[in-house]
Amino acid sequence: MAEPQKVRSILVSVTEVSTSLEVQDRVRQFIEQRLVAYGYEYKPGTSPGPRDGVFEALRAWVRIGHRSIPVRARRVHWSKELDQRALDDSIRDDIRGIQKEFERGENLNPRLTRNFFKAGFNDFLYNHFKLQHVHLGEPNVDLDKTKKHAMCRGGPLVLIAFIENDDAYFVEVRGHDVFDDWSQVEDLLRIMLRNFKGALEPYVMRNVSDVRPKFEGAFEAAKTGFTCAFEVDGVVLSFGTTVFDSKSHNGSGTSGEVVDIINNNLNRISRLVEWITENSDTIAAKMKDVLGALPEKIDLTPVQIGKRIILTDTSRCLQVSEEECQVEWGTYKIVPNQEPTRD
């Protein structure tokens, strides 16, 4: 009589978990709700599926953070051209007032574009040349373009600044025609090179010559959403890429940095859902201790998207953080490839 064949046991997960697409669609809803709650004007597109929908929502959310000035104290540096320029006392006093705001670490975002609260807005000068324009007027006396938020008073001149984490470089004051005048923007970059060349070092391209098109052509290409390297006074500069964006409020390109952050967030969400799925039976067993019964499904929804990504089960029984790749609820913790332990 033949011996019975040994059947190898295969462990199969039987606990259903939300798919990545389901979680992404909830991320879309999560972000859209917050855009509305914070007073941003956002018009969702008619996307064919959850992937495109979450990308659009993330693009709006990340774009706002990208063109904002993080609130922190900074050292302020004036260019020689600005310092020596003949200005009315009132204009010089306004600039000194803004200097104090930077040094105290105040919120400078109400001094930026009137389109700040339009989630689809791309800042042309910033995306392509890393130059911010700061309005000089009295704060909190005018409304933005959505007519919902107090901004500083506008005027004929704006302060052009190059802003880093710890330093703000005041380049010059210009009229609003600077946004469409390639010669003025080229001159601003010349001032940066003469006064603050070290700040531009991360954007200098080495061992490159005979760059084409010249600055005027690069500026006009940027106006259509495309980027290329350009030369200013013998220095070849590239401030990164942009992506043509038909959803943009003003038709300008979206920064490649924004797209990179979006893709990184989507990948992090997918990896987190994958880890939960791989550990679903262990997680479900521990959820039973709390709920009194096995869950029919580990139904995931976001509670935080950003530097940390945190998902929770809709029963609020558990919380999943990718920061430490762990699941927590109550005092219980599950770490990958380990048995549940009580802290």
Protein backbone atom coordinates (compact mmCIF):
# COMPACT_ATOMS: atom_id res chain seq x y z
CA MET A 1 0.00 0.00 0.00
CA ALA A 2 1.43 3.30 -1.04
CA GLU A 3 2.29 5.77 1.68
CA PRO A 4 0.03 8.80 1.83
CA GLN A 5 1.57 11.90 0.32
CA LYS A 6 2.51 14.64 2.73
CA VAL A 7 0.66 17.85 2.02
CA ARG A 8 2.64 21.03 2.73
CA SER A 9 0.69 23.56 4.78
CA ILE A 10 0.37 26.97 3.16
CA LEU A 11 -0.52 29.94 5.34
CA VAL A 12 -3.15 32.04 3.62
CA SER A 13 -4.41 35.37 4.97
CA VAL A 14 -8.20 35.29 5.30
CA THR A 15 -8.75 38.75 6.79
CA GLU A 16 -9.90 41.24 4.17
CA VAL A 17 -8.03 44.57 4.08
CA SER A 18 -8.82 47.77 2.19
CA THR A 19 -7.00 47.86 -1.14
CA SER A 20 -4.51 50.57 -2.00
CA LEU A 21 -7.04 52.06 -4.44
CA GLU A 22 -9.71 52.20 -1.74
CA VAL A 23 -7.30 53.93 0.65
CA GLN A 24 -6.17 56.35 -2.06
CA ASP A 25 -9.76 57.40 -2.70
CA ARG A 26 -10.22 58.04 1.01
CA VAL A 27 -6.98 60.06 0.98
CA ARG A 28 -8.53 62.15 -1.82
CA GLN A 29 -11.64 62.80 0.27
CA PHE A 30 -9.49 63.55 3.33
CA ILE A 31 -7.44 66.18 1.47
CA GLU A 32 -10.41 67.77 -0.28
CA GLN A 33 -12.19 68.19 3.07
CA ARG A 34 -9.13 69.90 4.53
CA LEU A 35 -8.70 72.20 1.56
CA VAL A 36 -12.27 73.39 2.09
CA ALA A 37 -11.85 73.59 5.88
CA TYR A 38 -8.77 75.82 5.54
CA GLY A 39 -10.54 78.09 3.07
CA TYR A 40 -8.71 77.17 -0.14
CA GLU A 41 -10.52 77.40 -3.45
CA TYR A 42 -10.31 73.93 -4.98
CA LYS A 43 -12.18 72.62 -8.00
CA PRO A 44 -11.83 68.85 -8.32
CA GLY A 45 -11.53 67.56 -11.85
CA THR A 46 -13.62 64.90 -13.50
CA SER A 47 -11.01 62.19 -13.11
CA PRO A 48 -11.76 58.74 -14.54
CA GLY A 49 -10.60 56.89 -11.43
CA PRO A 50 -9.29 57.11 -7.86
CA ARG A 51 -5.63 57.22 -8.93
CA ASP A 52 -6.09 60.42 -10.92
CA GLY A 53 -8.41 61.88 -8.29
CA VAL A 54 -5.95 61.44 -5.42
CA PHE A 55 -3.12 62.78 -7.59
CA GLU A 56 -5.12 65.96 -8.31
CA ALA A 57 -5.97 66.47 -4.63
CA LEU A 58 -2.37 65.87 -3.52
CA ARG A 59 -1.12 68.19 -6.25
CA ALA A 60 -3.30 71.01 -4.89
CA TRP A 61 -2.29 70.35 -1.28
CA VAL A 62 1.45 69.98 -1.90
CA ARG A 63 1.54 72.93 -4.32
CA ILE A 64 0.32 75.23 -1.51
CA GLY A 65 3.02 74.09 0.88
CA HIS A 66 5.67 74.34 -1.80
CA ARG A 67 5.05 78.02 -2.56
CA SER A 68 4.49 79.02 1.07
CA ILE A 69 7.14 80.59 3.32
CA PRO A 70 7.62 78.33 6.36
CA VAL A 71 7.19 80.28 9.58
CA ARG A 72 10.58 80.59 11.28
CA ALA A 73 13.08 83.30 12.20
CA ARG A 74 15.60 84.19 9.48
CA ARG A 75 18.63 86.40 9.03
CA VAL A 76 18.01 89.15 6.47
CA HIS A 77 20.55 90.35 3.88
CA TRP A 78 20.11 93.39 1.60
CA SER A 79 21.79 93.56 -1.78
CA LYS A 80 24.01 96.58 -2.39
CA GLU A 81 21.68 97.59 -5.20
CA LEU A 82 18.67 97.67 -2.91
CA ASP A 83 20.54 99.34 -0.08
CA GLN A 84 21.91 102.09 -2.33
CA ARG A 85 18.76 102.62 -4.38
CA ALA A 86 16.99 105.97 -4.03
CA LEU A 87 13.68 105.06 -2.40
CA ASP A 88 10.97 107.06 -0.73
CA ASP A 89 11.29 106.93 3.03
CA SER A 90 7.92 105.18 3.25
CA ILE A 91 9.08 102.36 0.94
CA ARG A 92 12.33 101.93 2.84
CA ASP A 93 10.40 101.86 6.11
CA ASP A 94 8.08 99.17 4.69
CA ILE A 95 11.07 97.03 3.72
CA ARG A 96 12.62 97.47 7.17
CA GLY A 97 9.28 96.44 8.68
CA ILE A 98 9.29 93.27 6.57
CA GLN A 99 12.87 92.62 7.67
CA LYS A 100 11.70 92.66 11.31
CA GLU A 101 8.88 90.24 10.44
CA PHE A 102 11.42 87.82 8.96
CA GLU A 103 13.75 88.20 11.92
CA ARG A 104 10.93 87.62 14.43
CA GLY A 105 9.71 84.56 12.54
CA GLU A 106 6.26 85.92 11.74
CA ASN A 107 3.92 84.51 9.10
CA LEU A 108 4.88 86.17 5.80
CA ASN A 109 2.38 84.28 3.64
CA PRO A 110 -0.26 87.07 3.80
CA ARG A 111 2.30 89.20 1.96
CA LEU A 112 2.51 86.82 -0.99
CA THR A 113 0.31 86.59 -4.08
CA ARG A 114 -3.39 87.48 -3.88
CA ASN A 115 -3.92 84.04 -5.46
CA PHE A 116 -2.42 82.31 -2.41
CA PHE A 117 -5.71 80.63 -1.45
CA LYS A 118 -6.40 79.36 -4.97
CA ALA A 119 -5.18 75.79 -4.68
CA GLY A 120 -4.55 75.58 -8.42
CA PHE A 121 -2.16 78.54 -8.50
CA ASN A 122 1.45 78.08 -9.60
CA ASP A 123 3.91 80.85 -8.70
CA PHE A 124 5.79 81.46 -11.95
CA LEU A 125 8.80 83.37 -10.57
CA TYR A 126 9.24 80.93 -7.70
CA ASN A 127 8.82 77.69 -9.66
CA HIS A 128 11.27 78.70 -12.38
CA PHE A 129 13.70 81.10 -10.69
CA LYS A 130 13.20 80.59 -6.91
CA LEU A 131 12.27 84.27 -6.51
CA GLN A 132 9.45 85.23 -4.14
CA HIS A 133 7.58 88.53 -4.43
CA VAL A 134 6.55 90.13 -1.14
CA HIS A 135 3.96 92.91 -0.99
CA LEU A 136 5.00 95.98 0.97
CA GLY A 137 1.69 97.33 2.26
CA GLU A 138 0.04 97.31 5.64
CA PRO A 139 -0.89 93.75 6.71
CA ASN A 140 -4.42 92.36 7.01
CA VAL A 141 -6.26 95.22 5.31
CA ASP A 142 -7.09 93.79 1.85
CA LEU A 143 -8.73 90.54 0.75
CA ASP A 144 -7.28 87.80 -1.40
CA LYS A 145 -8.79 86.75 -4.75
CA THR A 146 -11.27 84.39 -3.06
CA LYS A 147 -12.54 87.35 -0.97
CA LYS A 148 -12.30 85.24 2.21
CA HIS A 149 -8.85 85.94 3.64
CA ALA A 150 -7.08 89.06 4.90
CA MET A 151 -3.88 89.91 3.05
CA CYS A 152 -1.57 92.90 3.16
CA ARG A 153 -2.37 95.99 1.12
CA GLY A 154 -1.08 95.96 -2.45
CA GLY A 155 0.87 98.71 -4.15
CA PRO A 156 2.86 99.52 -7.29
CA LEU A 157 6.04 97.86 -5.98
CA VAL A 158 6.90 94.43 -4.61
CA LEU A 159 10.02 93.25 -2.81
CA ILE A 160 11.81 90.46 -4.67
CA ALA A 161 13.44 88.02 -2.25
CA PHE A 162 15.31 84.72 -2.36
CA ILE A 163 14.30 82.80 0.76
CA GLU A 164 16.08 79.85 2.37
CA ASN A 165 15.53 78.04 5.67
CA ASP A 166 17.67 80.38 7.78
CA ASP A 167 18.22 83.38 5.51
CA ALA A 168 16.17 85.83 3.46
CA TYR A 169 18.00 87.70 0.70
CA PHE A 170 16.35 90.99 -0.28
CA VAL A 171 17.26 91.43 -3.96
CA GLU A 172 15.39 94.50 -5.26
CA VAL A 173 12.01 96.20 -5.49
CA ARG A 174 10.18 96.05 -8.81
CA GLY A 175 6.81 96.77 -10.32
CA HIS A 176 4.30 94.06 -11.18
CA ASP A 177 5.52 94.08 -14.79
CA VAL A 178 8.48 91.99 -13.58
CA PHE A 179 6.40 88.83 -14.04
CA ASP A 180 6.34 89.29 -17.82
CA ASP A 181 9.69 90.99 -18.45
CA TRP A 182 12.58 88.62 -19.04
CA SER A 183 15.18 91.41 -18.89
CA GLN A 184 14.11 92.37 -15.35
CA VAL A 185 14.24 88.76 -14.14
CA GLU A 186 17.67 88.31 -15.72
CA ASP A 187 18.83 91.48 -13.93
CA LEU A 188 17.51 90.15 -10.61
CA LEU A 189 19.56 86.99 -11.05
CA ARG A 190 22.62 89.11 -11.88
CA ILE A 191 22.12 90.95 -8.58
CA MET A 192 21.90 87.59 -6.80
CA LEU A 193 25.16 86.45 -8.39
CA ARG A 194 26.95 89.68 -7.48
CA ASN A 195 25.76 89.74 -3.89
CA PHE A 196 24.74 86.24 -2.81
CA LYS A 197 26.44 83.82 -5.17
CA GLY A 198 26.80 81.24 -2.42
CA ALA A 199 23.03 80.99 -2.11
CA LEU A 200 22.82 80.00 -5.79
CA GLU A 201 25.55 77.33 -5.61
CA PRO A 202 23.06 74.42 -5.42
CA TYR A 203 21.62 75.54 -8.78
CA VAL A 204 24.90 76.08 -10.68
CA MET A 205 25.67 73.62 -13.48
CA ARG A 206 29.38 72.85 -13.90
CA ASN A 207 31.37 72.14 -17.05
CA VAL A 208 28.61 73.39 -19.34
CA SER A 209 29.12 75.88 -22.15
CA ASP A 210 27.27 77.43 -25.08
CA VAL A 211 23.87 77.04 -23.43
CA ARG A 212 20.88 77.59 -25.69
CA PRO A 213 18.39 79.12 -25.77
CA LYS A 214 19.66 82.33 -24.20
CA PHE A 215 17.85 83.75 -21.18
CA GLU A 216 15.06 85.39 -23.17
CA GLY A 217 14.24 82.09 -24.84
CA ALA A 218 14.41 80.19 -21.55
CA PHE A 219 12.04 82.73 -19.98
CA GLU A 220 9.53 82.42 -22.81
CA ALA A 221 9.71 78.61 -22.61
CA ALA A 222 9.06 78.83 -18.88
CA LYS A 223 5.93 80.86 -19.60
CA THR A 224 4.53 77.84 -21.43
CA GLY A 225 5.39 75.47 -18.57
CA PHE A 226 8.73 74.13 -19.80
CA THR A 227 12.15 74.55 -18.21
CA CYS A 228 15.71 74.53 -19.43
CA ALA A 229 19.09 75.64 -18.14
CA PHE A 230 20.19 79.20 -18.90
CA GLU A 231 23.27 81.37 -18.59
CA VAL A 232 23.60 84.62 -16.64
CA ASP A 233 26.96 86.43 -16.70
CA GLY A 234 28.83 83.24 -17.58
CA VAL A 235 27.13 81.13 -14.88
CA VAL A 236 24.81 78.33 -16.01
CA LEU A 237 21.82 77.92 -13.72
CA SER A 238 19.00 75.39 -13.46
CA PHE A 239 16.33 75.70 -10.79
CA GLY A 240 14.78 72.30 -11.42
CA THR A 241 12.03 71.03 -13.65
CA THR A 242 8.37 71.85 -14.04
CA VAL A 243 5.57 69.77 -15.47
CA PHE A 244 3.01 71.26 -17.84
CA ASP A 245 -0.21 71.41 -15.88
CA SER A 246 -3.54 71.96 -17.64
CA LYS A 247 -5.20 72.03 -14.19
CA SER A 248 -3.12 75.00 -13.08
CA HIS A 249 -5.12 78.10 -12.20
CA ASN A 250 -2.80 80.32 -14.25
CA GLY A 251 -1.51 77.87 -16.88
CA SER A 252 2.00 77.80 -15.43
CA GLY A 253 3.95 74.59 -14.90
CA THR A 254 3.83 72.69 -11.62
CA SER A 255 7.23 72.27 -9.97
CA GLY A 256 8.89 68.88 -10.37
CA GLU A 257 9.52 69.01 -6.61
CA VAL A 258 5.74 68.93 -6.09
CA VAL A 259 5.36 65.90 -8.36
CA ASP A 260 8.19 64.09 -6.55
CA ILE A 261 6.50 64.66 -3.17
CA ILE A 262 3.17 63.39 -4.53
CA ASN A 263 4.72 60.21 -5.91
CA ASN A 264 6.62 59.65 -2.67
CA ASN A 265 3.42 59.98 -0.62
CA LEU A 266 1.50 57.58 -2.85
CA ASN A 267 4.31 55.02 -2.64
CA ARG A 268 4.43 55.35 1.16
CA ILE A 269 0.67 54.82 1.40
CA SER A 270 0.88 51.71 -0.82
CA ARG A 271 3.76 50.26 1.21
CA LEU A 272 1.87 50.82 4.44
CA VAL A 273 -1.26 49.11 3.11
CA GLU A 274 0.92 46.25 1.85
CA TRP A 275 2.47 45.77 5.30
CA ILE A 276 -0.97 45.76 6.96
CA THR A 277 -2.18 43.17 4.44
CA GLU A 278 0.82 40.94 5.11
CA ASN A 279 0.17 41.11 8.87
CA SER A 280 -3.63 41.19 8.67
CA ASP A 281 -4.36 37.93 10.51
CA THR A 282 -2.14 38.86 13.46
CA ILE A 283 -3.67 42.34 13.57
CA ALA A 284 -7.22 40.95 13.31
CA ALA A 285 -6.56 38.56 16.22
CA LYS A 286 -5.50 41.43 18.42
CA MET A 287 -8.49 43.50 17.27
CA LYS A 288 -10.67 40.65 18.50
CA ASP A 289 -9.30 41.22 22.00
CA VAL A 290 -10.57 44.79 21.85
CA LEU A 291 -13.80 44.38 19.84
CA GLY A 292 -14.85 40.98 21.16
CA ALA A 293 -15.05 39.51 17.65
CA LEU A 294 -12.91 39.23 14.56
CA PRO A 295 -13.43 42.17 12.20
CA GLU A 296 -15.07 41.37 8.89
CA LYS A 297 -12.58 43.74 7.27
CA ILE A 298 -9.68 45.94 8.30
CA ASP A 299 -11.22 49.03 6.76
CA LEU A 300 -8.56 51.74 6.51
CA THR A 301 -8.91 55.51 6.37
CA PRO A 302 -6.30 58.30 6.76
CA VAL A 303 -5.92 60.52 9.81
CA GLN A 304 -2.65 62.21 8.82
CA ILE A 305 -0.88 62.72 5.49
CA GLY A 306 2.46 64.54 5.34
CA LYS A 307 5.76 64.02 7.10
CA ARG A 308 4.02 61.15 8.84
CA ILE A 309 1.36 58.97 7.26
CA ILE A 310 -1.11 57.51 9.73
CA LEU A 311 -4.04 55.25 8.86
CA THR A 312 -6.74 54.05 11.22
CA ASP A 313 -9.40 51.38 11.05
CA THR A 314 -12.88 52.87 10.67
CA SER A 315 -13.79 51.29 14.02
CA ARG A 316 -10.99 53.43 15.51
CA CYS A 317 -9.69 50.26 17.12
CA LEU A 318 -6.19 50.59 15.72
CA GLN A 319 -3.80 53.20 14.39
CA VAL A 320 -1.07 52.46 11.88
CA SER A 321 1.99 54.69 11.56
CA GLU A 322 4.60 54.14 8.88
CA GLU A 323 7.12 56.16 10.85
CA GLU A 324 7.95 53.15 13.02
CA CYS A 325 6.14 50.58 10.86
CA GLN A 326 3.95 49.53 13.74
CA VAL A 327 0.31 49.16 14.65
CA GLU A 328 -0.93 50.52 17.95
CA TRP A 329 -4.20 50.44 19.85
CA GLY A 330 -4.68 50.84 23.54
CA THR A 331 -1.42 49.68 25.09
CA TYR A 332 -0.84 46.95 22.51
CA LYS A 333 1.81 47.15 19.84
CA ILE A 334 2.63 44.87 16.92
CA VAL A 335 6.07 45.18 15.36
CA PRO A 336 6.79 43.37 12.05
CA ASN A 337 7.86 39.71 12.44
CA GLN A 338 7.37 39.74 16.20
CA GLU A 339 4.69 38.51 18.54
CA PRO A 340 2.35 41.10 20.02
CA THR A 341 3.70 42.57 23.24
CA ARG A 342 2.21 44.75 25.93
CA ASP A 343 4.17 47.91 26.74
